[in-house]
Amino acid sequence: IGQYLAPSANHYPVRRFVEPAEFAELESAA
């Protein structure tokens, strides 16, 4: 599970940056 980063301005925009704590919670849930 990783953070989406738009490769260019022509790509789908990032809607939000996910905090490291949320990644940890998702890892735990998985």
PDB file of all heavy atoms in Angstrom:
ATOM      1  N   ILE A   1       0.873  -1.179   0.000  1.00  0.00           N
ATOM      2  CA  ILE A   1       0.000   0.000   0.000  1.00  0.00           C
ATOM      3  C   ILE A   1       0.904   1.221   0.000  1.00  0.00           C
ATOM      4  O   ILE A   1       1.720   1.390   0.905  1.00  0.00           O
ATOM      5  CB  ILE A   1      -0.926   0.047   1.233  1.00  0.00           C
ATOM      6  CG1 ILE A   1      -1.727  -1.247   1.381  1.00  0.00           C
ATOM      7  CG2 ILE A   1      -1.859   1.259   1.148  1.00  0.00           C
ATOM      8  CD1 ILE A   1      -2.513  -1.345   2.689  1.00  0.00           C
ATOM      9  N   GLY A   2       0.768   2.059  -1.021  1.00  0.00           N
ATOM     10  CA  GLY A   2       1.603   3.246  -1.127  1.00  0.00           C
ATOM     11  C   GLY A   2       0.802   4.490  -1.443  1.00  0.00           C
ATOM     12  O   GLY A   2      -0.377   4.420  -1.812  1.00  0.00           O
ATOM     13  N   GLN A   3       1.449   5.620  -1.313  1.00  0.00           N
ATOM     14  CA  GLN A   3       0.830   6.914  -1.624  1.00  0.00           C
ATOM     15  C   GLN A   3       0.879   7.151  -3.125  1.00  0.00           C
ATOM     16  O   GLN A   3       1.934   7.049  -3.737  1.00  0.00           O
ATOM     17  CB  GLN A   3       1.590   8.035  -0.911  1.00  0.00           C
ATOM     18  CG  GLN A   3       1.192   9.446  -1.327  1.00  0.00           C
ATOM     19  CD  GLN A   3      -0.205   9.831  -0.860  1.00  0.00           C
ATOM     20  OE1 GLN A   3      -0.527   9.720   0.304  1.00  0.00           O
ATOM     21  NE2 GLN A   3      -1.025  10.282  -1.795  1.00  0.00           N
ATOM     22  N   TYR A   4      -0.268   7.483  -3.713  1.00  0.00           N
ATOM     23  CA  TYR A   4      -0.292   7.870  -5.116  1.00  0.00           C
ATOM     24  C   TYR A   4       0.371   9.235  -5.253  1.00  0.00           C
ATOM     25  O   TYR A   4       0.106  10.152  -4.485  1.00  0.00           O
ATOM     26  CB  TYR A   4      -1.732   7.943  -5.636  1.00  0.00           C
ATOM     27  CG  TYR A   4      -1.819   8.557  -7.011  1.00  0.00           C
ATOM     28  CD1 TYR A   4      -1.370   7.858  -8.122  1.00  0.00           C
ATOM     29  CD2 TYR A   4      -2.318   9.837  -7.186  1.00  0.00           C
ATOM     30  CE1 TYR A   4      -1.430   8.425  -9.392  1.00  0.00           C
ATOM     31  CE2 TYR A   4      -2.397  10.418  -8.446  1.00  0.00           C
ATOM     32  CZ  TYR A   4      -1.945   9.705  -9.549  1.00  0.00           C
ATOM     33  OH  TYR A   4      -1.998  10.264 -10.796  1.00  0.00           O
ATOM     34  N   LEU A   5       1.247   9.350  -6.219  1.00  0.00           N
ATOM     35  CA  LEU A   5       1.894  10.613  -6.551  1.00  0.00           C
ATOM     36  C   LEU A   5       1.726  10.818  -8.046  1.00  0.00           C
ATOM     37  O   LEU A   5       2.183   9.995  -8.834  1.00  0.00           O
ATOM     38  CB  LEU A   5       3.379  10.588  -6.174  1.00  0.00           C
ATOM     39  CG  LEU A   5       3.674  10.376  -4.683  1.00  0.00           C
ATOM     40  CD1 LEU A   5       5.155  10.139  -4.465  1.00  0.00           C
ATOM     41  CD2 LEU A   5       3.176  11.559  -3.868  1.00  0.00           C
ATOM     42  N   ALA A   6       1.053  11.878  -8.441  1.00  0.00           N
ATOM     43  CA  ALA A   6       0.804  12.134  -9.866  1.00  0.00           C
ATOM     44  C   ALA A   6       2.133  12.334 -10.590  1.00  0.00           C
ATOM     45  O   ALA A   6       2.925  13.199 -10.192  1.00  0.00           O
ATOM     46  CB  ALA A   6      -0.086  13.361 -10.035  1.00  0.00           C
ATOM     47  N   PRO A   7       2.386  11.565 -11.654  1.00  0.00           N
ATOM     48  CA  PRO A   7       3.653  11.703 -12.373  1.00  0.00           C
ATOM     49  C   PRO A   7       3.809  13.040 -13.099  1.00  0.00           C
ATOM     50  O   PRO A   7       4.919  13.481 -13.365  1.00  0.00           O
ATOM     51  CB  PRO A   7       3.637  10.566 -13.383  1.00  0.00           C
ATOM     52  CG  PRO A   7       2.503   9.689 -13.023  1.00  0.00           C
ATOM     53  CD  PRO A   7       1.587  10.460 -12.131  1.00  0.00           C
ATOM     54  N   SER A   8       2.696  13.661 -13.441  1.00  0.00           N
ATOM     55  CA  SER A   8       2.752  14.964 -14.116  1.00  0.00           C
ATOM     56  C   SER A   8       1.444  15.697 -13.875  1.00  0.00           C
ATOM     57  O   SER A   8       0.472  15.125 -13.374  1.00  0.00           O
ATOM     58  CB  SER A   8       2.973  14.780 -15.623  1.00  0.00           C
ATOM     59  OG  SER A   8       1.771  14.370 -16.256  1.00  0.00           O
ATOM     60  N   ALA A   9       1.398  16.939 -14.288  1.00  0.00           N
ATOM     61  CA  ALA A   9       0.169  17.734 -14.143  1.00  0.00           C
ATOM     62  C   ALA A   9      -0.945  17.202 -15.036  1.00  0.00           C
ATOM     63  O   ALA A   9      -2.116  17.535 -14.833  1.00  0.00           O
ATOM     64  CB  ALA A   9       0.458  19.194 -14.469  1.00  0.00           C
ATOM     65  N   ASN A  10      -0.613  16.380 -16.010  1.00  0.00           N
ATOM     66  CA  ASN A  10      -1.613  15.808 -16.920  1.00  0.00           C
ATOM     67  C   ASN A  10      -2.259  14.542 -16.368  1.00  0.00           C
ATOM     68  O   ASN A  10      -3.166  13.997 -16.994  1.00  0.00           O
ATOM     69  CB  ASN A  10      -0.978  15.499 -18.278  1.00  0.00           C
ATOM     70  CG  ASN A  10      -0.495  16.759 -18.964  1.00  0.00           C
ATOM     71  OD1 ASN A  10      -1.102  17.814 -18.832  1.00  0.00           O
ATOM     72  ND2 ASN A  10       0.606  16.648 -19.674  1.00  0.00           N
ATOM     73  N   HIS A  11      -1.762  14.053 -15.247  1.00  0.00           N
ATOM     74  CA  HIS A  11      -2.296  12.834 -14.649  1.00  0.00           C
ATOM     75  C   HIS A  11      -3.344  13.164 -13.591  1.00  0.00           C
ATOM     76  O   HIS A  11      -3.482  14.306 -13.165  1.00  0.00           O
ATOM     77  CB  HIS A  11      -1.168  12.010 -14.030  1.00  0.00           C
ATOM     78  CG  HIS A  11      -0.310  11.340 -15.042  1.00  0.00           C
ATOM     79  ND1 HIS A  11       0.685  11.996 -15.721  1.00  0.00           N
ATOM     80  CD2 HIS A  11      -0.314  10.076 -15.504  1.00  0.00           C
ATOM     81  CE1 HIS A  11       1.274  11.163 -16.556  1.00  0.00           C
ATOM     82  NE2 HIS A  11       0.676   9.984 -16.447  1.00  0.00           N
ATOM     83  N   TYR A  12      -4.051  12.135 -13.181  1.00  0.00           N
ATOM     84  CA  TYR A  12      -5.059  12.278 -12.135  1.00  0.00           C
ATOM     85  C   TYR A  12      -4.409  12.941 -10.923  1.00  0.00           C
ATOM     86  O   TYR A  12      -3.326  12.543 -10.500  1.00  0.00           O
ATOM     87  CB  TYR A  12      -5.608  10.893 -11.767  1.00  0.00           C
ATOM     88  CG  TYR A  12      -6.898  10.927 -10.997  1.00  0.00           C
ATOM     89  CD1 TYR A  12      -8.121  11.011 -11.656  1.00  0.00           C
ATOM     90  CD2 TYR A  12      -6.897  10.852  -9.614  1.00  0.00           C
ATOM     91  CE1 TYR A  12      -9.302  11.034 -10.954  1.00  0.00           C
ATOM     92  CE2 TYR A  12      -8.083  10.874  -8.902  1.00  0.00           C
ATOM     93  CZ  TYR A  12      -9.285  10.964  -9.580  1.00  0.00           C
ATOM     94  OH  TYR A  12     -10.451  10.982  -8.876  1.00  0.00           O
ATOM     95  N   PRO A  13      -5.041  13.934 -10.340  1.00  0.00           N
ATOM     96  CA  PRO A  13      -4.418  14.651  -9.215  1.00  0.00           C
ATOM     97  C   PRO A  13      -4.471  13.871  -7.901  1.00  0.00           C
ATOM     98  O   PRO A  13      -5.376  13.057  -7.682  1.00  0.00           O
ATOM     99  CB  PRO A  13      -5.261  15.923  -9.105  1.00  0.00           C
ATOM    100  CG  PRO A  13      -6.600  15.523  -9.630  1.00  0.00           C
ATOM    101  CD  PRO A  13      -6.327  14.510 -10.719  1.00  0.00           C
ATOM    102  N   VAL A  14      -3.503  14.134  -7.052  1.00  0.00           N
ATOM    103  CA  VAL A  14      -3.524  13.598  -5.697  1.00  0.00           C
ATOM    104  C   VAL A  14      -4.667  14.289  -4.960  1.00  0.00           C
ATOM    105  O   VAL A  14      -4.768  15.514  -4.978  1.00  0.00           O
ATOM    106  CB  VAL A  14      -2.184  13.875  -4.972  1.00  0.00           C
ATOM    107  CG1 VAL A  14      -2.255  13.447  -3.517  1.00  0.00           C
ATOM    108  CG2 VAL A  14      -1.038  13.181  -5.692  1.00  0.00           C
ATOM    109  N   ARG A  15      -5.533  13.516  -4.338  1.00  0.00           N
ATOM    110  CA  ARG A  15      -6.652  14.092  -3.584  1.00  0.00           C
ATOM    111  C   ARG A  15      -6.274  14.378  -2.135  1.00  0.00           C
ATOM    112  O   ARG A  15      -6.796  15.302  -1.535  1.00  0.00           O
ATOM    113  CB  ARG A  15      -7.864  13.152  -3.617  1.00  0.00           C
ATOM    114  CG  ARG A  15      -8.414  12.925  -4.998  1.00  0.00           C
ATOM    115  CD  ARG A  15      -9.038  14.184  -5.533  1.00  0.00           C
ATOM    116  NE  ARG A  15      -9.676  13.881  -6.813  1.00  0.00           N
ATOM    117  CZ  ARG A  15      -9.894  14.756  -7.759  1.00  0.00           C
ATOM    118  NH1 ARG A  15      -9.528  15.997  -7.595  1.00  0.00           N
ATOM    119  NH2 ARG A  15     -10.459  14.410  -8.875  1.00  0.00           N
ATOM    120  N   ARG A  16      -5.387  13.542  -1.602  1.00  0.00           N
ATOM    121  CA  ARG A  16      -4.919  13.783  -0.234  1.00  0.00           C
ATOM    122  C   ARG A  16      -3.637  13.000   0.009  1.00  0.00           C
ATOM    123  O   ARG A  16      -3.386  11.985  -0.633  1.00  0.00           O
ATOM    124  CB  ARG A  16      -5.958  13.404   0.814  1.00  0.00           C
ATOM    125  CG  ARG A  16      -6.123  11.918   1.038  1.00  0.00           C
ATOM    126  CD  ARG A  16      -7.205  11.629   2.086  1.00  0.00           C
ATOM    127  NE  ARG A  16      -7.384  10.208   2.247  1.00  0.00           N
ATOM    128  CZ  ARG A  16      -6.899   9.499   3.249  1.00  0.00           C
ATOM    129  NH1 ARG A  16      -6.223  10.091   4.218  1.00  0.00           N
ATOM    130  NH2 ARG A  16      -7.093   8.201   3.315  1.00  0.00           N
ATOM    131  N   PHE A  17      -2.840  13.523   0.932  1.00  0.00           N
ATOM    132  CA  PHE A  17      -1.645  12.819   1.356  1.00  0.00           C
ATOM    133  C   PHE A  17      -1.987  12.050   2.631  1.00  0.00           C
ATOM    134  O   PHE A  17      -2.494  12.624   3.593  1.00  0.00           O
ATOM    135  CB  PHE A  17      -0.485  13.791   1.568  1.00  0.00           C
ATOM    136  CG  PHE A  17       0.046  14.326   0.269  1.00  0.00           C
ATOM    137  CD1 PHE A  17      -0.335  15.570  -0.186  1.00  0.00           C
ATOM    138  CD2 PHE A  17       0.891  13.552  -0.522  1.00  0.00           C
ATOM    139  CE1 PHE A  17       0.133  16.058  -1.398  1.00  0.00           C
ATOM    140  CE2 PHE A  17       1.352  14.020  -1.735  1.00  0.00           C
ATOM    141  CZ  PHE A  17       0.970  15.281  -2.180  1.00  0.00           C
ATOM    142  N   VAL A  18      -1.742  10.774   2.603  1.00  0.00           N
ATOM    143  CA  VAL A  18      -2.082   9.891   3.709  1.00  0.00           C
ATOM    144  C   VAL A  18      -0.958   9.953   4.745  1.00  0.00           C
ATOM    145  O   VAL A  18       0.220   9.848   4.402  1.00  0.00           O
ATOM    146  CB  VAL A  18      -2.288   8.448   3.190  1.00  0.00           C
ATOM    147  CG1 VAL A  18      -2.594   7.496   4.332  1.00  0.00           C
ATOM    148  CG2 VAL A  18      -3.403   8.431   2.144  1.00  0.00           C
ATOM    149  N   GLU A  19      -1.339  10.136   5.981  1.00  0.00           N
ATOM    150  CA  GLU A  19      -0.371  10.246   7.070  1.00  0.00           C
ATOM    151  C   GLU A  19       0.269   8.881   7.369  1.00  0.00           C
ATOM    152  O   GLU A  19      -0.396   7.847   7.244  1.00  0.00           O
ATOM    153  CB  GLU A  19      -1.059  10.759   8.340  1.00  0.00           C
ATOM    154  CG  GLU A  19      -1.619  12.166   8.217  1.00  0.00           C
ATOM    155  CD  GLU A  19      -0.529  13.217   8.076  1.00  0.00           C
ATOM    156  OE1 GLU A  19       0.576  13.022   8.656  1.00  0.00           O
ATOM    157  OE2 GLU A  19      -0.761  14.214   7.386  1.00  0.00           O
ATOM    158  N   PRO A  20       1.523   8.867   7.805  1.00  0.00           N
ATOM    159  CA  PRO A  20       2.185   7.608   8.150  1.00  0.00           C
ATOM    160  C   PRO A  20       1.400   6.771   9.160  1.00  0.00           C
ATOM    161  O   PRO A  20       1.370   5.542   9.053  1.00  0.00           O
ATOM    162  CB  PRO A  20       3.532   8.061   8.730  1.00  0.00           C
ATOM    163  CG  PRO A  20       3.814   9.347   8.007  1.00  0.00           C
ATOM    164  CD  PRO A  20       2.446   9.998   7.867  1.00  0.00           C
ATOM    165  N   ALA A  21       0.739   7.414  10.112  1.00  0.00           N
ATOM    166  CA  ALA A  21      -0.049   6.667  11.103  1.00  0.00           C
ATOM    167  C   ALA A  21      -1.180   5.891  10.437  1.00  0.00           C
ATOM    168  O   ALA A  21      -1.510   4.774  10.857  1.00  0.00           O
ATOM    169  CB  ALA A  21      -0.603   7.612  12.158  1.00  0.00           C
ATOM    170  N   GLU A  22      -1.778   6.464   9.396  1.00  0.00           N
ATOM    171  CA  GLU A  22      -2.851   5.755   8.700  1.00  0.00           C
ATOM    172  C   GLU A  22      -2.299   4.554   7.933  1.00  0.00           C
ATOM    173  O   GLU A  22      -2.930   3.495   7.880  1.00  0.00           O
ATOM    174  CB  GLU A  22      -3.604   6.686   7.755  1.00  0.00           C
ATOM    175  CG  GLU A  22      -4.817   6.037   7.134  1.00  0.00           C
ATOM    176  CD  GLU A  22      -5.668   6.975   6.308  1.00  0.00           C
ATOM    177  OE1 GLU A  22      -5.483   8.206   6.364  1.00  0.00           O
ATOM    178  OE2 GLU A  22      -6.545   6.452   5.589  1.00  0.00           O
ATOM    179  N   PHE A  23      -1.105   4.707   7.354  1.00  0.00           N
ATOM    180  CA  PHE A  23      -0.475   3.555   6.693  1.00  0.00           C
ATOM    181  C   PHE A  23      -0.240   2.444   7.711  1.00  0.00           C
ATOM    182  O   PHE A  23      -0.465   1.263   7.423  1.00  0.00           O
ATOM    183  CB  PHE A  23       0.848   3.951   6.022  1.00  0.00           C
ATOM    184  CG  PHE A  23       0.665   4.609   4.686  1.00  0.00           C
ATOM    185  CD1 PHE A  23       0.918   5.964   4.536  1.00  0.00           C
ATOM    186  CD2 PHE A  23       0.245   3.881   3.586  1.00  0.00           C
ATOM    187  CE1 PHE A  23       0.758   6.582   3.307  1.00  0.00           C
ATOM    188  CE2 PHE A  23       0.078   4.490   2.354  1.00  0.00           C
ATOM    189  CZ  PHE A  23       0.338   5.844   2.209  1.00  0.00           C
ATOM    190  N   ALA A  24       0.216   2.808   8.900  1.00  0.00           N
ATOM    191  CA  ALA A  24       0.457   1.811   9.951  1.00  0.00           C
ATOM    192  C   ALA A  24      -0.848   1.114  10.332  1.00  0.00           C
ATOM    193  O   ALA A  24      -0.872  -0.110  10.528  1.00  0.00           O
ATOM    194  CB  ALA A  24       1.102   2.472  11.169  1.00  0.00           C
ATOM    195  N   GLU A  25      -1.935   1.875  10.415  1.00  0.00           N
ATOM    196  CA  GLU A  25      -3.235   1.281  10.742  1.00  0.00           C
ATOM    197  C   GLU A  25      -3.695   0.326   9.637  1.00  0.00           C
ATOM    198  O   GLU A  25      -4.232  -0.751   9.924  1.00  0.00           O
ATOM    199  CB  GLU A  25      -4.280   2.374  10.938  1.00  0.00           C
ATOM    200  CG  GLU A  25      -4.065   3.210  12.176  1.00  0.00           C
ATOM    201  CD  GLU A  25      -4.957   4.447  12.209  1.00  0.00           C
ATOM    202  OE1 GLU A  25      -5.828   4.610  11.323  1.00  0.00           O
ATOM    203  OE2 GLU A  25      -4.764   5.275  13.119  1.00  0.00           O
ATOM    204  N   LEU A  26      -3.487   0.719   8.385  1.00  0.00           N
ATOM    205  CA  LEU A  26      -3.874  -0.143   7.268  1.00  0.00           C
ATOM    206  C   LEU A  26      -3.033  -1.419   7.250  1.00  0.00           C
ATOM    207  O   LEU A  26      -3.553  -2.514   6.996  1.00  0.00           O
ATOM    208  CB  LEU A  26      -3.761   0.596   5.941  1.00  0.00           C
ATOM    209  CG  LEU A  26      -4.761   1.720   5.734  1.00  0.00           C
ATOM    210  CD1 LEU A  26      -4.402   2.543   4.496  1.00  0.00           C
ATOM    211  CD2 LEU A  26      -6.183   1.168   5.620  1.00  0.00           C
ATOM    212  N   GLU A  27      -1.750  -1.287   7.537  1.00  0.00           N
ATOM    213  CA  GLU A  27      -0.885  -2.463   7.594  1.00  0.00           C
ATOM    214  C   GLU A  27      -1.356  -3.415   8.687  1.00  0.00           C
ATOM    215  O   GLU A  27      -1.449  -4.627   8.482  1.00  0.00           O
ATOM    216  CB  GLU A  27       0.566  -2.058   7.832  1.00  0.00           C
ATOM    217  CG  GLU A  27       1.501  -3.249   7.875  1.00  0.00           C
ATOM    218  CD  GLU A  27       2.960  -2.869   7.936  1.00  0.00           C
ATOM    219  OE1 GLU A  27       3.313  -1.704   7.664  1.00  0.00           O
ATOM    220  OE2 GLU A  27       3.768  -3.764   8.251  1.00  0.00           O
ATOM    221  N   SER A  28      -1.683  -2.873   9.836  1.00  0.00           N
ATOM    222  CA  SER A  28      -2.173  -3.686  10.947  1.00  0.00           C
ATOM    223  C   SER A  28      -3.479  -4.381  10.575  1.00  0.00           C
ATOM    224  O   SER A  28      -3.660  -5.577  10.833  1.00  0.00           O
ATOM    225  CB  SER A  28      -2.355  -2.820  12.189  1.00  0.00           C
ATOM    226  OG  SER A  28      -2.886  -3.570  13.248  1.00  0.00           O
ATOM    227  N   ALA A  29      -4.395  -3.647   9.972  1.00  0.00           N
ATOM    228  CA  ALA A  29      -5.670  -4.234   9.557  1.00  0.00           C
ATOM    229  C   ALA A  29      -5.449  -5.358   8.555  1.00  0.00           C
ATOM    230  O   ALA A  29      -6.085  -6.414   8.642  1.00  0.00           O
ATOM    231  CB  ALA A  29      -6.577  -3.155   8.960  1.00  0.00           C
ATOM    232  N   ALA A  30      -4.530  -5.152   7.609  1.00  0.00           N
ATOM    233  CA  ALA A  30      -4.248  -6.175   6.601  1.00  0.00           C
ATOM    234  C   ALA A  30      -3.668  -7.428   7.250  1.00  0.00           C
ATOM    235  O   ALA A  30      -4.053  -8.551   6.909  1.00  0.00           O
ATOM    236  CB  ALA A  30      -3.300  -5.617   5.545  1.00  0.00           C
TER     237      ALA A  30
END
